[in-house]
Amino acid sequence: MDDDWYLQTGHGVRFEWGPTGAKRLAPGAACLVVVDVLSFTTAVTVAVEAGTRVFPYRWRDETAATFAEEAGADLAVGRRMASASSPWTLSPAALRHAPFTPRLVLPSPNGSAIAAAAGEAPVAAGALRNATAVSHWLVRQGYGTPERPIAVIASGERWPDGSLRPAVEDLLGTGAVIAALRHAHGDKALSPEAALAAAAFEATPDVAAAVSASASGRQLIGGGYAEDVAIATEPDACAAVPVLADGAFTLAHG
């Protein structure tokens, strides 16, 4: 058996889960889309549409502060660690209400690790609130053909033992991006994995209700962060397409 069976070759739109899936698909992809609906990529869309450059960082430890200082950026802290001096967190709602900052480091083990896995390939941040905008940008750039394939990566969450927990919100977020791409490229462009993600999105009558009732949604709502879930499920409310360039997500042009 060939050792590249996992690459979904022959298809212009491909789909996988988590940092490991990103590492596997990235070498054969012309562009990578990371989707972490609750909350990394949603937070990125909120910040970038406000004009902030967002530097993803993989570790939530003391090295993040050093990285932020070297980048000349403010540092987003944990949701419950927000203060008057550090009002920026991974919470989209907190970012929406916080003072503007031109440069922000956003620690996220999953989202940042997926972005880093892309290597030299462009990386776009996708979410439910900008899925159509992302798909339109990808099509304008000529991505989505077998010659220039897209790898759409659902971030997922983590179980306490560190293993990947596939998450409803990220399946629906990737499905939203892929469903929009299918309108441009047709069914044959999608790998079976990608087609099933799109089908899951299209078969869900109320995406916001599904995300709110999911394990991740219940966790956030129960912790007092219902506004984060509400922002994350705003359907196509955002026209911003964050693209990673020079180490930071910024607004794509073209």
C-alpha atoms as a PDB file:
ATOM      1  CA  MET A   1       0.000   0.000   0.000  1.00  0.00           C
ATOM      2  CA  ASP A   2       1.210   3.509  -0.792  1.00  0.00           C
ATOM      3  CA  ASP A   3       2.303   5.487   2.243  1.00  0.00           C
ATOM      4  CA  ASP A   4       0.352   8.587   1.173  1.00  0.00           C
ATOM      5  CA  TRP A   5      -3.130   7.043   1.410  1.00  0.00           C
ATOM      6  CA  TYR A   6      -4.170   9.720   3.924  1.00  0.00           C
ATOM      7  CA  LEU A   7      -3.558  12.678   1.578  1.00  0.00           C
ATOM      8  CA  GLN A   8      -6.999  12.499  -0.133  1.00  0.00           C
ATOM      9  CA  THR A   9      -5.224  12.985  -3.450  1.00  0.00           C
ATOM     10  CA  GLY A  10      -7.216  13.754  -6.574  1.00  0.00           C
ATOM     11  CA  HIS A  11      -9.540  16.100  -4.681  1.00  0.00           C
ATOM     12  CA  GLY A  12      -9.335  19.869  -4.499  1.00  0.00           C
ATOM     13  CA  VAL A  13     -11.049  20.181  -1.116  1.00  0.00           C
ATOM     14  CA  ARG A  14      -9.852  17.941   1.733  1.00  0.00           C
ATOM     15  CA  PHE A  15     -10.782  17.614   5.403  1.00  0.00           C
ATOM     16  CA  GLU A  16      -9.098  16.374   8.574  1.00  0.00           C
ATOM     17  CA  TRP A  17      -9.039  16.785  12.359  1.00  0.00           C
ATOM     18  CA  GLY A  18      -6.561  18.417  14.721  1.00  0.00           C
ATOM     19  CA  PRO A  19      -2.857  19.220  14.629  1.00  0.00           C
ATOM     20  CA  THR A  20      -1.923  15.684  13.577  1.00  0.00           C
ATOM     21  CA  GLY A  21      -4.368  15.795  10.665  1.00  0.00           C
ATOM     22  CA  ALA A  22      -2.981  19.186   9.667  1.00  0.00           C
ATOM     23  CA  LYS A  23       0.577  17.857   9.669  1.00  0.00           C
ATOM     24  CA  ARG A  24      -0.494  14.935   7.481  1.00  0.00           C
ATOM     25  CA  LEU A  25      -2.402  16.968   4.883  1.00  0.00           C
ATOM     26  CA  ALA A  26      -0.295  20.142   4.830  1.00  0.00           C
ATOM     27  CA  PRO A  27       2.549  18.821   2.620  1.00  0.00           C
ATOM     28  CA  GLY A  28       0.085  18.144  -0.193  1.00  0.00           C
ATOM     29  CA  ALA A  29      -2.005  21.316   0.243  1.00  0.00           C
ATOM     30  CA  ALA A  30      -1.654  24.673  -1.470  1.00  0.00           C
ATOM     31  CA  CYS A  31      -3.623  26.372   1.309  1.00  0.00           C
ATOM     32  CA  LEU A  32      -4.796  25.397   4.791  1.00  0.00           C
ATOM     33  CA  VAL A  33      -7.942  26.598   6.577  1.00  0.00           C
ATOM     34  CA  VAL A  34      -8.028  26.212  10.363  1.00  0.00           C
ATOM     35  CA  VAL A  35     -11.454  26.129  12.034  1.00  0.00           C
ATOM     36  CA  ASP A  36     -11.781  26.404  15.827  1.00  0.00           C
ATOM     37  CA  VAL A  37     -15.266  27.804  16.391  1.00  0.00           C
ATOM     38  CA  LEU A  38     -15.153  27.847  20.214  1.00  0.00           C
ATOM     39  CA  SER A  39     -13.133  29.961  20.251  1.00  0.00           C
ATOM     40  CA  PHE A  40      -9.735  30.542  18.568  1.00  0.00           C
ATOM     41  CA  THR A  41     -10.728  31.321  14.979  1.00  0.00           C
ATOM     42  CA  THR A  42     -13.881  33.147  16.062  1.00  0.00           C
ATOM     43  CA  ALA A  43     -11.711  35.317  18.317  1.00  0.00           C
ATOM     44  CA  VAL A  44      -9.322  35.890  15.413  1.00  0.00           C
ATOM     45  CA  THR A  45     -12.174  37.104  13.187  1.00  0.00           C
ATOM     46  CA  VAL A  46     -13.388  39.525  15.877  1.00  0.00           C
ATOM     47  CA  ALA A  47      -9.910  40.961  16.396  1.00  0.00           C
ATOM     48  CA  VAL A  48      -8.926  41.168  12.730  1.00  0.00           C
ATOM     49  CA  GLU A  49     -12.155  42.834  11.641  1.00  0.00           C
ATOM     50  CA  ALA A  50     -11.343  45.517  14.244  1.00  0.00           C
ATOM     51  CA  GLY A  51      -7.910  46.039  12.659  1.00  0.00           C
ATOM     52  CA  THR A  52      -5.758  44.028  15.078  1.00  0.00           C
ATOM     53  CA  ARG A  53      -2.833  41.864  13.949  1.00  0.00           C
ATOM     54  CA  VAL A  54      -3.170  38.537  15.774  1.00  0.00           C
ATOM     55  CA  PHE A  55      -0.075  36.478  16.546  1.00  0.00           C
ATOM     56  CA  PRO A  56      -0.979  32.860  17.313  1.00  0.00           C
ATOM     57  CA  TYR A  57       1.095  31.163  19.982  1.00  0.00           C
ATOM     58  CA  ARG A  58       0.995  27.486  20.816  1.00  0.00           C
ATOM     59  CA  TRP A  59       1.702  27.511  24.555  1.00  0.00           C
ATOM     60  CA  ARG A  60      -0.284  29.044  27.419  1.00  0.00           C
ATOM     61  CA  ASP A  61       2.620  29.431  29.822  1.00  0.00           C
ATOM     62  CA  GLU A  62       5.225  31.960  30.894  1.00  0.00           C
ATOM     63  CA  THR A  63       6.872  31.840  27.456  1.00  0.00           C
ATOM     64  CA  ALA A  64       3.785  33.536  25.970  1.00  0.00           C
ATOM     65  CA  ALA A  65       4.598  36.778  27.787  1.00  0.00           C
ATOM     66  CA  THR A  66       8.153  36.690  26.466  1.00  0.00           C
ATOM     67  CA  PHE A  67       6.879  36.056  22.940  1.00  0.00           C
ATOM     68  CA  ALA A  68       4.418  38.967  23.229  1.00  0.00           C
ATOM     69  CA  GLU A  69       7.151  41.305  24.463  1.00  0.00           C
ATOM     70  CA  GLU A  70       9.410  40.328  21.561  1.00  0.00           C
ATOM     71  CA  ALA A  71       6.530  40.873  19.113  1.00  0.00           C
ATOM     72  CA  GLY A  72       5.695  44.261  20.601  1.00  0.00           C
ATOM     73  CA  ALA A  73       2.168  42.991  21.263  1.00  0.00           C
ATOM     74  CA  ASP A  74      -0.338  42.759  24.059  1.00  0.00           C
ATOM     75  CA  LEU A  75      -1.006  39.271  25.433  1.00  0.00           C
ATOM     76  CA  ALA A  76      -4.416  37.640  25.659  1.00  0.00           C
ATOM     77  CA  VAL A  77      -4.871  35.877  28.993  1.00  0.00           C
ATOM     78  CA  GLY A  78      -7.230  33.157  30.192  1.00  0.00           C
ATOM     79  CA  ARG A  79     -10.923  33.975  30.250  1.00  0.00           C
ATOM     80  CA  ARG A  80     -11.033  34.207  34.041  1.00  0.00           C
ATOM     81  CA  MET A  81      -7.783  36.157  34.261  1.00  0.00           C
ATOM     82  CA  ALA A  82      -9.016  39.316  32.533  1.00  0.00           C
ATOM     83  CA  SER A  83      -8.295  42.572  34.362  1.00  0.00           C
ATOM     84  CA  ALA A  84      -8.203  46.291  33.725  1.00  0.00           C
ATOM     85  CA  SER A  85      -4.566  46.006  32.657  1.00  0.00           C
ATOM     86  CA  SER A  86      -5.092  42.793  30.635  1.00  0.00           C
ATOM     87  CA  PRO A  87      -8.623  42.931  29.175  1.00  0.00           C
ATOM     88  CA  TRP A  88      -7.846  40.743  26.146  1.00  0.00           C
ATOM     89  CA  THR A  89      -8.668  37.022  26.334  1.00  0.00           C
ATOM     90  CA  LEU A  90      -9.578  34.118  24.045  1.00  0.00           C
ATOM     91  CA  SER A  91     -13.209  35.117  24.611  1.00  0.00           C
ATOM     92  CA  PRO A  92     -14.665  36.736  21.456  1.00  0.00           C
ATOM     93  CA  ALA A  93     -17.017  38.746  23.651  1.00  0.00           C
ATOM     94  CA  ALA A  94     -14.132  40.080  25.746  1.00  0.00           C
ATOM     95  CA  LEU A  95     -12.223  41.021  22.598  1.00  0.00           C
ATOM     96  CA  ARG A  96     -15.249  42.804  21.197  1.00  0.00           C
ATOM     97  CA  HIS A  97     -15.560  44.934  24.344  1.00  0.00           C
ATOM     98  CA  ALA A  98     -11.848  45.407  25.087  1.00  0.00           C
ATOM     99  CA  PRO A  99      -9.882  48.519  24.076  1.00  0.00           C
ATOM    100  CA  PHE A 100      -8.343  48.378  20.616  1.00  0.00           C
ATOM    101  CA  THR A 101      -4.829  47.019  20.387  1.00  0.00           C
ATOM    102  CA  PRO A 102      -2.868  46.968  17.119  1.00  0.00           C
ATOM    103  CA  ARG A 103      -0.979  43.768  17.971  1.00  0.00           C
ATOM    104  CA  LEU A 104      -2.207  40.844  20.062  1.00  0.00           C
ATOM    105  CA  VAL A 105      -0.719  37.462  20.957  1.00  0.00           C
ATOM    106  CA  LEU A 106      -3.460  34.831  21.198  1.00  0.00           C
ATOM    107  CA  PRO A 107      -2.289  31.590  22.833  1.00  0.00           C
ATOM    108  CA  SER A 108      -4.145  28.511  21.593  1.00  0.00           C
ATOM    109  CA  PRO A 109      -2.620  25.023  21.688  1.00  0.00           C
ATOM    110  CA  ASN A 110      -4.875  23.574  18.985  1.00  0.00           C
ATOM    111  CA  GLY A 111      -5.451  26.485  16.614  1.00  0.00           C
ATOM    112  CA  SER A 112      -1.870  27.709  16.718  1.00  0.00           C
ATOM    113  CA  ALA A 113      -0.454  24.208  16.290  1.00  0.00           C
ATOM    114  CA  ILE A 114      -2.616  23.676  13.213  1.00  0.00           C
ATOM    115  CA  ALA A 115      -1.532  26.998  11.726  1.00  0.00           C
ATOM    116  CA  ALA A 116       2.119  26.138  12.365  1.00  0.00           C
ATOM    117  CA  ALA A 117       1.710  22.778  10.614  1.00  0.00           C
ATOM    118  CA  ALA A 118       1.083  24.480   7.282  1.00  0.00           C
ATOM    119  CA  GLY A 119       4.735  25.298   6.736  1.00  0.00           C
ATOM    120  CA  GLU A 120       5.053  27.648   3.781  1.00  0.00           C
ATOM    121  CA  ALA A 121       1.433  27.251   2.643  1.00  0.00           C
ATOM    122  CA  PRO A 122      -0.990  30.140   3.265  1.00  0.00           C
ATOM    123  CA  VAL A 123      -3.285  29.742   6.284  1.00  0.00           C
ATOM    124  CA  ALA A 124      -6.773  31.229   6.604  1.00  0.00           C
ATOM    125  CA  ALA A 125      -8.863  31.333   9.779  1.00  0.00           C
ATOM    126  CA  GLY A 126     -12.391  30.079   9.195  1.00  0.00           C
ATOM    127  CA  ALA A 127     -15.444  30.063  11.451  1.00  0.00           C
ATOM    128  CA  LEU A 128     -19.205  29.909  11.182  1.00  0.00           C
ATOM    129  CA  ARG A 129     -19.382  33.692  11.168  1.00  0.00           C
ATOM    130  CA  ASN A 130     -17.095  34.100   8.109  1.00  0.00           C
ATOM    131  CA  ALA A 131     -17.453  30.774   6.272  1.00  0.00           C
ATOM    132  CA  THR A 132     -18.826  32.231   3.035  1.00  0.00           C
ATOM    133  CA  ALA A 133     -16.277  35.056   2.981  1.00  0.00           C
ATOM    134  CA  VAL A 134     -13.439  32.546   3.425  1.00  0.00           C
ATOM    135  CA  SER A 135     -14.739  30.302   0.641  1.00  0.00           C
ATOM    136  CA  HIS A 136     -15.090  33.228  -1.750  1.00  0.00           C
ATOM    137  CA  TRP A 137     -11.532  34.358  -1.013  1.00  0.00           C
ATOM    138  CA  LEU A 138     -10.190  30.840  -1.594  1.00  0.00           C
ATOM    139  CA  VAL A 139     -11.948  30.634  -4.944  1.00  0.00           C
ATOM    140  CA  ARG A 140     -10.636  34.050  -6.019  1.00  0.00           C
ATOM    141  CA  GLN A 141      -7.101  32.884  -5.205  1.00  0.00           C
ATOM    142  CA  GLY A 142      -7.554  29.824  -7.390  1.00  0.00           C
ATOM    143  CA  TYR A 143      -7.556  27.271  -4.564  1.00  0.00           C
ATOM    144  CA  GLY A 144      -9.745  24.191  -4.501  1.00  0.00           C
ATOM    145  CA  THR A 145      -8.593  22.254  -7.548  1.00  0.00           C
ATOM    146  CA  PRO A 146      -6.592  18.999  -7.505  1.00  0.00           C
ATOM    147  CA  GLU A 147      -3.606  21.059  -8.627  1.00  0.00           C
ATOM    148  CA  ARG A 148      -4.072  23.633  -5.839  1.00  0.00           C
ATOM    149  CA  PRO A 149      -5.885  21.732  -3.086  1.00  0.00           C
ATOM    150  CA  ILE A 150      -7.280  23.141   0.133  1.00  0.00           C
ATOM    151  CA  ALA A 151      -6.935  21.324   3.468  1.00  0.00           C
ATOM    152  CA  VAL A 152      -9.750  22.350   5.810  1.00  0.00           C
ATOM    153  CA  ILE A 153      -8.854  21.362   9.374  1.00  0.00           C
ATOM    154  CA  ALA A 154     -11.331  21.052  12.234  1.00  0.00           C
ATOM    155  CA  SER A 155      -9.460  21.855  15.416  1.00  0.00           C
ATOM    156  CA  GLY A 156     -11.517  19.801  17.848  1.00  0.00           C
ATOM    157  CA  GLU A 157     -11.089  19.895  21.604  1.00  0.00           C
ATOM    158  CA  ARG A 158      -9.053  17.846  24.096  1.00  0.00           C
ATOM    159  CA  TRP A 159     -10.020  15.179  26.580  1.00  0.00           C
ATOM    160  CA  PRO A 160      -8.346  15.418  30.010  1.00  0.00           C
ATOM    161  CA  ASP A 161      -5.726  12.890  28.869  1.00  0.00           C
ATOM    162  CA  GLY A 162      -4.736  15.154  25.976  1.00  0.00           C
ATOM    163  CA  SER A 163      -6.285  13.080  23.195  1.00  0.00           C
ATOM    164  CA  LEU A 164      -8.388  14.700  20.482  1.00  0.00           C
ATOM    165  CA  ARG A 165     -12.108  15.136  21.097  1.00  0.00           C
ATOM    166  CA  PRO A 166     -13.923  15.725  17.785  1.00  0.00           C
ATOM    167  CA  ALA A 167     -16.281  18.623  18.427  1.00  0.00           C
ATOM    168  CA  VAL A 168     -19.689  19.358  16.896  1.00  0.00           C
ATOM    169  CA  GLU A 169     -18.986  23.069  16.471  1.00  0.00           C
ATOM    170  CA  ASP A 170     -15.834  22.482  14.434  1.00  0.00           C
ATOM    171  CA  LEU A 171     -17.485  19.831  12.257  1.00  0.00           C
ATOM    172  CA  LEU A 172     -20.218  22.358  11.466  1.00  0.00           C
ATOM    173  CA  GLY A 173     -17.732  25.195  10.947  1.00  0.00           C
ATOM    174  CA  THR A 174     -15.607  23.213   8.502  1.00  0.00           C
ATOM    175  CA  GLY A 175     -18.773  21.934   6.871  1.00  0.00           C
ATOM    176  CA  ALA A 176     -19.962  25.514   6.309  1.00  0.00           C
ATOM    177  CA  VAL A 177     -16.715  26.448   4.538  1.00  0.00           C
ATOM    178  CA  ILE A 178     -16.711  23.260   2.458  1.00  0.00           C
ATOM    179  CA  ALA A 179     -20.385  23.545   1.507  1.00  0.00           C
ATOM    180  CA  ALA A 180     -19.736  27.033   0.153  1.00  0.00           C
ATOM    181  CA  LEU A 181     -16.703  25.761  -1.775  1.00  0.00           C
ATOM    182  CA  ARG A 182     -18.799  23.023  -3.363  1.00  0.00           C
ATOM    183  CA  HIS A 183     -21.010  25.657  -4.965  1.00  0.00           C
ATOM    184  CA  ALA A 184     -17.944  26.949  -6.821  1.00  0.00           C
ATOM    185  CA  HIS A 185     -16.102  23.709  -7.583  1.00  0.00           C
ATOM    186  CA  GLY A 186     -18.809  21.043  -7.675  1.00  0.00           C
ATOM    187  CA  ASP A 187     -19.251  17.739  -5.864  1.00  0.00           C
ATOM    188  CA  LYS A 188     -16.278  16.034  -7.523  1.00  0.00           C
ATOM    189  CA  ALA A 189     -13.855  18.521  -5.977  1.00  0.00           C
ATOM    190  CA  LEU A 190     -14.638  17.249  -2.472  1.00  0.00           C
ATOM    191  CA  SER A 191     -12.957  14.236  -0.918  1.00  0.00           C
ATOM    192  CA  PRO A 192     -15.375  11.828   0.811  1.00  0.00           C
ATOM    193  CA  GLU A 193     -14.215  13.241   4.151  1.00  0.00           C
ATOM    194  CA  ALA A 194     -14.927  16.800   3.015  1.00  0.00           C
ATOM    195  CA  ALA A 195     -18.285  15.837   1.499  1.00  0.00           C
ATOM    196  CA  LEU A 196     -19.439  14.318   4.783  1.00  0.00           C
ATOM    197  CA  ALA A 197     -18.473  17.463   6.707  1.00  0.00           C
ATOM    198  CA  ALA A 198     -20.473  19.579   4.256  1.00  0.00           C
ATOM    199  CA  ALA A 199     -23.413  17.191   4.522  1.00  0.00           C
ATOM    200  CA  ALA A 200     -23.383  17.458   8.319  1.00  0.00           C
ATOM    201  CA  PHE A 201     -23.624  21.239   8.076  1.00  0.00           C
ATOM    202  CA  GLU A 202     -26.351  21.221   5.436  1.00  0.00           C
ATOM    203  CA  ALA A 203     -28.414  18.626   7.331  1.00  0.00           C
ATOM    204  CA  THR A 204     -28.424  20.674  10.555  1.00  0.00           C
ATOM    205  CA  PRO A 205     -31.611  22.774  10.609  1.00  0.00           C
ATOM    206  CA  ASP A 206     -30.493  25.088  13.428  1.00  0.00           C
ATOM    207  CA  VAL A 207     -26.713  25.365  13.642  1.00  0.00           C
ATOM    208  CA  ALA A 208     -26.757  27.831  16.534  1.00  0.00           C
ATOM    209  CA  ALA A 209     -28.989  25.535  18.585  1.00  0.00           C
ATOM    210  CA  ALA A 210     -26.792  22.539  17.820  1.00  0.00           C
ATOM    211  CA  VAL A 211     -23.633  24.351  18.914  1.00  0.00           C
ATOM    212  CA  SER A 212     -25.295  25.706  22.053  1.00  0.00           C
ATOM    213  CA  ALA A 213     -26.493  22.232  23.034  1.00  0.00           C
ATOM    214  CA  SER A 214     -23.181  20.533  22.208  1.00  0.00           C
ATOM    215  CA  ALA A 215     -20.664  19.526  24.864  1.00  0.00           C
ATOM    216  CA  SER A 216     -18.439  22.525  24.136  1.00  0.00           C
ATOM    217  CA  GLY A 217     -21.372  24.935  24.016  1.00  0.00           C
ATOM    218  CA  ARG A 218     -22.765  23.662  27.302  1.00  0.00           C
ATOM    219  CA  GLN A 219     -19.358  24.002  28.919  1.00  0.00           C
ATOM    220  CA  LEU A 220     -19.009  27.647  27.901  1.00  0.00           C
ATOM    221  CA  ILE A 221     -22.611  28.593  28.677  1.00  0.00           C
ATOM    222  CA  GLY A 222     -22.405  26.865  32.049  1.00  0.00           C
ATOM    223  CA  GLY A 223     -19.230  28.813  32.784  1.00  0.00           C
ATOM    224  CA  GLY A 224     -20.927  32.139  32.111  1.00  0.00           C
ATOM    225  CA  TYR A 225     -19.787  32.649  28.518  1.00  0.00           C
ATOM    226  CA  ALA A 226     -23.061  32.422  26.608  1.00  0.00           C
ATOM    227  CA  GLU A 227     -22.131  35.562  24.656  1.00  0.00           C
ATOM    228  CA  ASP A 228     -19.089  33.762  23.237  1.00  0.00           C
ATOM    229  CA  VAL A 229     -21.337  31.024  21.869  1.00  0.00           C
ATOM    230  CA  ALA A 230     -23.735  33.620  20.454  1.00  0.00           C
ATOM    231  CA  ILE A 231     -20.926  35.433  18.623  1.00  0.00           C
ATOM    232  CA  ALA A 232     -19.481  32.157  17.346  1.00  0.00           C
ATOM    233  CA  THR A 233     -22.810  31.181  15.802  1.00  0.00           C
ATOM    234  CA  GLU A 234     -23.577  34.459  14.028  1.00  0.00           C
ATOM    235  CA  PRO A 235     -24.164  33.062  10.506  1.00  0.00           C
ATOM    236  CA  ASP A 236     -21.938  34.824   7.964  1.00  0.00           C
ATOM    237  CA  ALA A 237     -21.943  37.998  10.045  1.00  0.00           C
ATOM    238  CA  CYS A 238     -18.294  38.711   9.237  1.00  0.00           C
ATOM    239  CA  ALA A 239     -16.735  39.552   5.870  1.00  0.00           C
ATOM    240  CA  ALA A 240     -13.173  39.500   7.224  1.00  0.00           C
ATOM    241  CA  VAL A 241     -10.827  36.754   6.019  1.00  0.00           C
ATOM    242  CA  PRO A 242      -7.856  36.490   8.407  1.00  0.00           C
ATOM    243  CA  VAL A 243      -4.746  35.164   6.656  1.00  0.00           C
ATOM    244  CA  LEU A 244      -1.452  34.336   8.350  1.00  0.00           C
ATOM    245  CA  ALA A 245       1.402  36.506   7.071  1.00  0.00           C
ATOM    246  CA  ASP A 246       4.727  37.288   8.759  1.00  0.00           C
ATOM    247  CA  GLY A 247       3.600  35.387  11.843  1.00  0.00           C
ATOM    248  CA  ALA A 248       0.279  37.171  12.334  1.00  0.00           C
ATOM    249  CA  PHE A 249      -3.280  36.904  11.107  1.00  0.00           C
ATOM    250  CA  THR A 250      -4.262  40.032   9.194  1.00  0.00           C
ATOM    251  CA  LEU A 251      -7.074  40.995   6.868  1.00  0.00           C
ATOM    252  CA  ALA A 252      -6.741  39.366   3.453  1.00  0.00           C
ATOM    253  CA  HIS A 253      -6.950  41.497   0.341  1.00  0.00           C
ATOM    254  CA  GLY A 254      -7.946  40.427  -3.131  1.00  0.00           C
END
